[in-house]
N, C-alpha and C. Protein backbone atom coordinates (compact mmCIF):
# COMPACT_ATOMS: atom_id res chain seq x y z
N MET A 1 11.89 4.65 -2.49
CA MET A 1 11.13 4.35 -3.66
C MET A 1 9.77 5.01 -3.49
N ILE A 2 9.24 5.60 -4.56
CA ILE A 2 7.96 6.29 -4.52
C ILE A 2 7.05 5.76 -5.62
N THR A 3 5.79 5.51 -5.26
CA THR A 3 4.77 5.23 -6.27
C THR A 3 3.74 6.34 -6.17
N ALA A 4 3.33 6.85 -7.30
CA ALA A 4 2.29 7.89 -7.36
C ALA A 4 1.58 7.70 -8.69
N THR A 5 0.68 6.72 -8.72
CA THR A 5 0.01 6.37 -9.96
C THR A 5 -1.51 6.38 -9.76
N SER A 6 -2.23 6.13 -10.82
CA SER A 6 -3.68 5.93 -10.74
C SER A 6 -4.00 4.45 -10.97
N ALA A 7 -3.05 3.58 -10.70
CA ALA A 7 -3.20 2.14 -10.95
C ALA A 7 -4.33 1.53 -10.14
N ARG A 8 -5.03 0.61 -10.77
CA ARG A 8 -6.07 -0.16 -10.08
C ARG A 8 -5.55 -1.53 -9.63
N GLU A 9 -4.44 -1.93 -10.19
CA GLU A 9 -3.77 -3.18 -9.83
C GLU A 9 -2.34 -2.84 -9.40
N PRO A 10 -1.75 -3.63 -8.48
CA PRO A 10 -0.40 -3.33 -8.00
C PRO A 10 0.63 -3.22 -9.12
N VAL A 11 1.46 -2.20 -9.03
CA VAL A 11 2.58 -2.01 -9.95
C VAL A 11 3.90 -2.31 -9.25
N LEU A 12 3.86 -2.56 -7.96
CA LEU A 12 5.04 -2.86 -7.16
C LEU A 12 4.75 -4.09 -6.31
N LYS A 13 5.60 -5.09 -6.42
CA LYS A 13 5.41 -6.34 -5.68
C LYS A 13 6.43 -6.45 -4.55
N GLY A 14 5.98 -6.98 -3.42
CA GLY A 14 6.83 -7.14 -2.26
C GLY A 14 8.09 -7.94 -2.54
N GLU A 15 8.01 -8.92 -3.42
CA GLU A 15 9.17 -9.76 -3.72
C GLU A 15 10.28 -8.98 -4.42
N TRP A 16 9.97 -7.83 -4.98
CA TRP A 16 10.97 -7.00 -5.68
C TRP A 16 11.72 -6.06 -4.73
N ILE A 17 11.25 -5.93 -3.51
CA ILE A 17 11.76 -4.90 -2.59
C ILE A 17 12.79 -5.50 -1.63
N ASP A 18 13.95 -4.87 -1.55
CA ASP A 18 14.97 -5.30 -0.61
C ASP A 18 14.57 -4.92 0.81
N PRO A 19 14.92 -5.75 1.81
CA PRO A 19 14.65 -5.39 3.21
C PRO A 19 15.26 -4.02 3.53
N GLY A 20 14.53 -3.24 4.30
CA GLY A 20 15.00 -1.92 4.71
C GLY A 20 14.69 -0.80 3.74
N THR A 21 14.08 -1.12 2.61
CA THR A 21 13.74 -0.10 1.62
C THR A 21 12.60 0.77 2.15
N HIS A 22 12.75 2.09 2.01
CA HIS A 22 11.70 3.04 2.40
C HIS A 22 10.79 3.25 1.21
N LEU A 23 9.48 3.13 1.42
CA LEU A 23 8.50 3.35 0.36
C LEU A 23 7.59 4.52 0.71
N ASN A 24 7.28 5.34 -0.28
CA ASN A 24 6.22 6.34 -0.19
C ASN A 24 5.20 5.91 -1.23
N VAL A 25 4.07 5.41 -0.77
CA VAL A 25 3.03 4.92 -1.66
C VAL A 25 1.87 5.90 -1.55
N VAL A 26 1.67 6.73 -2.56
CA VAL A 26 0.76 7.87 -2.41
C VAL A 26 -0.40 7.92 -3.40
N GLY A 27 -0.47 7.03 -4.36
CA GLY A 27 -1.48 7.17 -5.40
C GLY A 27 -2.81 6.48 -5.13
N SER A 28 -2.86 5.59 -4.18
CA SER A 28 -4.06 4.81 -3.93
C SER A 28 -5.00 5.57 -3.00
N ASN A 29 -5.90 6.37 -3.57
CA ASN A 29 -6.80 7.17 -2.74
C ASN A 29 -8.26 6.74 -2.86
N PHE A 30 -8.49 5.53 -3.36
CA PHE A 30 -9.82 4.92 -3.41
C PHE A 30 -9.65 3.44 -3.09
N LEU A 31 -10.67 2.83 -2.52
CA LEU A 31 -10.57 1.41 -2.19
C LEU A 31 -10.38 0.54 -3.43
N SER A 32 -10.76 1.04 -4.60
CA SER A 32 -10.63 0.26 -5.83
C SER A 32 -9.26 0.42 -6.49
N LYS A 33 -8.36 1.18 -5.87
CA LYS A 33 -7.01 1.37 -6.42
C LYS A 33 -5.99 0.69 -5.52
N SER A 34 -4.90 0.24 -6.13
CA SER A 34 -3.83 -0.38 -5.35
C SER A 34 -2.53 -0.30 -6.14
N GLU A 35 -1.50 0.25 -5.54
CA GLU A 35 -0.19 0.35 -6.18
C GLU A 35 0.76 -0.75 -5.75
N VAL A 36 0.55 -1.28 -4.55
CA VAL A 36 1.43 -2.33 -4.02
C VAL A 36 0.59 -3.55 -3.66
N ASP A 37 1.22 -4.71 -3.67
CA ASP A 37 0.49 -5.94 -3.36
C ASP A 37 0.47 -6.20 -1.85
N VAL A 38 -0.30 -7.20 -1.46
CA VAL A 38 -0.44 -7.56 -0.05
C VAL A 38 0.91 -7.94 0.56
N GLU A 39 1.76 -8.61 -0.20
CA GLU A 39 3.09 -8.99 0.29
C GLU A 39 3.90 -7.77 0.72
N THR A 40 3.79 -6.69 -0.02
CA THR A 40 4.49 -5.46 0.35
C THR A 40 4.03 -4.97 1.71
N ILE A 41 2.73 -4.98 1.93
CA ILE A 41 2.18 -4.52 3.22
C ILE A 41 2.60 -5.48 4.34
N LYS A 42 2.56 -6.78 4.09
CA LYS A 42 2.95 -7.76 5.10
C LYS A 42 4.40 -7.57 5.53
N ARG A 43 5.27 -7.19 4.62
CA ARG A 43 6.69 -7.06 4.91
C ARG A 43 7.05 -5.74 5.58
N ALA A 44 6.13 -4.80 5.60
CA ALA A 44 6.42 -3.48 6.17
C ALA A 44 6.59 -3.55 7.68
N SER A 45 7.61 -2.90 8.20
CA SER A 45 7.78 -2.84 9.65
C SER A 45 7.06 -1.63 10.24
N ILE A 46 6.84 -0.61 9.43
CA ILE A 46 6.11 0.59 9.85
C ILE A 46 5.19 1.00 8.71
N ILE A 47 3.94 1.30 9.05
CA ILE A 47 3.00 1.87 8.08
C ILE A 47 2.48 3.15 8.69
N ALA A 48 2.66 4.26 7.99
CA ALA A 48 2.22 5.56 8.49
C ALA A 48 1.14 6.13 7.56
N VAL A 49 0.07 6.62 8.15
CA VAL A 49 -1.02 7.23 7.40
C VAL A 49 -1.35 8.58 8.04
N ASP A 50 -1.97 9.45 7.26
CA ASP A 50 -2.39 10.75 7.80
C ASP A 50 -3.48 10.58 8.86
N SER A 51 -4.41 9.68 8.58
CA SER A 51 -5.56 9.46 9.47
C SER A 51 -5.98 7.99 9.37
N ILE A 52 -6.04 7.31 10.50
CA ILE A 52 -6.46 5.91 10.51
C ILE A 52 -7.90 5.81 10.01
N GLU A 53 -8.77 6.69 10.47
CA GLU A 53 -10.17 6.66 10.06
C GLU A 53 -10.30 6.86 8.55
N GLN A 54 -9.59 7.83 8.01
CA GLN A 54 -9.65 8.11 6.57
C GLN A 54 -9.05 6.97 5.76
N SER A 55 -8.01 6.35 6.27
CA SER A 55 -7.40 5.25 5.53
C SER A 55 -8.35 4.07 5.40
N ARG A 56 -9.24 3.89 6.35
CA ARG A 56 -10.24 2.82 6.26
C ARG A 56 -11.25 3.08 5.14
N ILE A 57 -11.37 4.33 4.74
CA ILE A 57 -12.30 4.71 3.68
C ILE A 57 -11.64 4.67 2.31
N GLU A 58 -10.35 5.02 2.24
CA GLU A 58 -9.75 5.21 0.93
C GLU A 58 -8.41 4.55 0.68
N ALA A 59 -7.89 3.78 1.59
CA ALA A 59 -6.56 3.19 1.40
C ALA A 59 -6.66 1.82 0.72
N GLY A 60 -6.76 1.84 -0.60
CA GLY A 60 -6.88 0.61 -1.37
C GLY A 60 -5.69 -0.30 -1.26
N ASP A 61 -4.54 0.24 -0.87
CA ASP A 61 -3.35 -0.60 -0.66
C ASP A 61 -3.43 -1.35 0.66
N LEU A 62 -4.04 -0.76 1.65
CA LEU A 62 -4.05 -1.36 2.98
C LEU A 62 -5.22 -2.32 3.24
N MET A 63 -6.39 -1.99 2.77
CA MET A 63 -7.57 -2.76 3.13
C MET A 63 -7.50 -4.23 2.72
N PRO A 64 -7.03 -4.59 1.53
CA PRO A 64 -6.92 -6.03 1.21
C PRO A 64 -6.02 -6.78 2.20
N ALA A 65 -4.94 -6.16 2.62
CA ALA A 65 -4.04 -6.79 3.58
C ALA A 65 -4.72 -6.94 4.94
N ILE A 66 -5.44 -5.93 5.36
CA ILE A 66 -6.16 -5.99 6.64
C ILE A 66 -7.23 -7.07 6.58
N GLU A 67 -7.96 -7.15 5.47
CA GLU A 67 -9.02 -8.15 5.33
C GLU A 67 -8.46 -9.57 5.34
N ARG A 68 -7.22 -9.75 4.91
CA ARG A 68 -6.60 -11.08 4.90
C ARG A 68 -5.85 -11.38 6.19
N GLY A 69 -5.92 -10.45 7.13
CA GLY A 69 -5.32 -10.66 8.43
C GLY A 69 -3.87 -10.31 8.49
């Protein structure tokens, strides 16, 4: 499943995703954008980013989940 939007609010919820589903979430390139909800991030077994440092600056999908522990 792929998301590539300019959404500011999640368009994909973790409760909709079957276990084992591969996601490519590519549209959230600002902290104020988010394509997936925190539940999606919590359920992920692997999260891959180009750069950990850069993701802390612009990964709007990841930062809310990190801030909530």
